[in-house]
Amino acid sequence: MENWITRGVAAICAVGSTALFWTFGVFLAVPWRESRMLSLNSIEWQVLGIPLLTGLAVTWGALHILAIADRASSPRLYLTIVVALAIISIMAVLGGMSWSGERIALTAP
């Protein structure tokens, strides 16, 4: 029973990190589309950095909480979840970029 509670808390954290990575993708779309990733100003660095760093921290926390429940008892399940969360995080960034890119395309003259 305790493992399921721990897994539930880890899942809530993982969903939060996915939302943060999606937000990062939303803000990443404009400079990426304009090919000016190396010439961002300080405000843009903050807008990109906060969801990215917070998302990484929350993902690390989710994996740490999950490790309490599953790392010793079922290491293959833990490794599978780590890989799945990495793929989901990358897909969330791409999804946010796609969502923002569509909004830019709809409003472009």
Protein backbone atom coordinates (compact mmCIF):
# COMPACT_ATOMS: atom_id res chain seq x y z
CA MET A 1 0.00 0.00 0.00
CA GLU A 2 2.81 2.42 0.85
CA ASN A 3 4.45 1.84 -2.52
CA TRP A 4 1.26 2.82 -4.34
CA ILE A 5 0.99 6.04 -2.37
CA THR A 6 4.61 6.82 -3.14
CA ARG A 7 4.07 6.02 -6.83
CA GLY A 8 1.01 8.29 -6.86
CA VAL A 9 2.99 11.21 -5.45
CA ALA A 10 5.75 10.57 -7.99
CA ALA A 11 3.16 10.52 -10.79
CA ILE A 12 1.76 13.88 -9.66
CA CYS A 13 5.27 15.34 -9.71
CA ALA A 14 5.92 13.84 -13.15
CA VAL A 15 2.76 15.41 -14.54
CA GLY A 16 3.85 18.77 -13.14
CA SER A 17 7.27 18.45 -14.73
CA THR A 18 5.68 17.58 -18.05
CA ALA A 19 3.60 20.76 -17.85
CA LEU A 20 6.74 22.78 -17.14
CA PHE A 21 8.52 21.25 -20.14
CA TRP A 22 5.48 22.03 -22.31
CA THR A 23 5.65 25.65 -21.12
CA PHE A 24 9.35 25.72 -21.96
CA GLY A 25 8.48 24.53 -25.47
CA VAL A 26 5.86 27.24 -25.84
CA PHE A 27 8.39 29.96 -25.06
CA LEU A 28 11.16 28.28 -27.07
CA ALA A 29 9.18 28.28 -30.32
CA VAL A 30 9.61 31.97 -31.23
CA PRO A 31 13.40 32.33 -30.89
CA TRP A 32 13.87 28.88 -32.44
CA ARG A 33 11.70 29.79 -35.40
CA GLU A 34 13.53 33.09 -35.90
CA SER A 35 16.95 31.36 -35.61
CA ARG A 36 18.17 33.65 -32.86
CA MET A 37 18.89 31.21 -30.05
CA LEU A 38 22.41 32.60 -29.59
CA SER A 39 21.24 36.22 -29.38
CA LEU A 40 18.63 36.11 -26.62
CA ASN A 41 18.37 39.01 -24.21
CA SER A 42 18.29 38.58 -20.42
CA ILE A 43 14.48 38.57 -20.18
CA GLU A 44 14.22 35.81 -22.79
CA TRP A 45 16.86 33.77 -20.97
CA GLN A 46 14.79 34.06 -17.79
CA VAL A 47 11.55 33.14 -19.57
CA LEU A 48 13.23 30.07 -21.02
CA GLY A 49 15.37 29.19 -18.02
CA ILE A 50 12.75 29.19 -15.29
CA PRO A 51 10.44 26.49 -16.74
CA LEU A 52 13.43 24.45 -17.95
CA LEU A 53 15.33 24.44 -14.65
CA THR A 54 12.18 24.03 -12.57
CA GLY A 55 11.03 21.20 -14.84
CA LEU A 56 14.38 19.45 -14.47
CA ALA A 57 14.23 19.85 -10.67
CA VAL A 58 10.66 18.52 -10.47
CA THR A 59 11.55 15.59 -12.75
CA TRP A 60 14.54 14.79 -10.54
CA GLY A 61 12.23 14.95 -7.51
CA ALA A 62 9.69 12.64 -9.14
CA LEU A 63 12.39 10.12 -9.97
CA HIS A 64 13.81 10.38 -6.46
CA ILE A 65 10.39 9.73 -4.95
CA LEU A 66 9.83 6.86 -7.35
CA ALA A 67 13.21 5.41 -6.42
CA ILE A 68 12.03 5.14 -2.82
CA ALA A 69 9.23 2.80 -3.95
CA ASP A 70 10.71 0.83 -6.83
CA ARG A 71 14.46 1.11 -7.29
CA ALA A 72 15.44 -1.70 -4.95
CA SER A 73 12.42 -3.97 -5.39
CA SER A 74 11.99 -3.74 -9.17
CA PRO A 75 14.89 -2.06 -10.95
CA ARG A 76 13.63 -2.91 -14.47
CA LEU A 77 10.32 -1.15 -13.80
CA TYR A 78 12.21 1.84 -12.42
CA LEU A 79 14.47 1.99 -15.50
CA THR A 80 11.45 1.69 -17.80
CA ILE A 81 9.73 4.57 -16.04
CA VAL A 82 12.89 6.71 -16.20
CA VAL A 83 13.16 6.16 -19.96
CA ALA A 84 9.43 6.77 -20.45
CA LEU A 85 9.59 10.00 -18.46
CA ALA A 86 12.55 11.21 -20.53
CA ILE A 87 10.67 10.50 -23.77
CA ILE A 88 7.50 12.14 -22.44
CA SER A 89 9.48 15.21 -21.38
CA ILE A 90 11.01 15.60 -24.84
CA MET A 91 7.60 15.12 -26.44
CA ALA A 92 6.15 17.77 -24.12
CA VAL A 93 8.76 20.31 -25.27
CA LEU A 94 8.04 19.46 -28.91
CA GLY A 95 4.30 19.65 -28.27
CA GLY A 96 4.63 23.09 -26.69
CA MET A 97 6.72 24.28 -29.62
CA SER A 98 4.16 22.90 -32.06
CA TRP A 99 1.26 24.52 -30.21
CA SER A 100 2.98 27.89 -30.12
CA GLY A 101 4.12 27.55 -33.74
CA GLU A 102 0.54 26.98 -34.86
CA ARG A 103 -0.60 30.10 -33.02
CA ILE A 104 2.17 32.12 -34.67
CA ALA A 105 1.21 30.75 -38.10
CA LEU A 106 -2.46 31.64 -37.55
CA THR A 107 -1.71 35.24 -36.60
CA ALA A 108 0.99 35.91 -39.21
CA PRO A 109 -0.07 38.37 -41.92
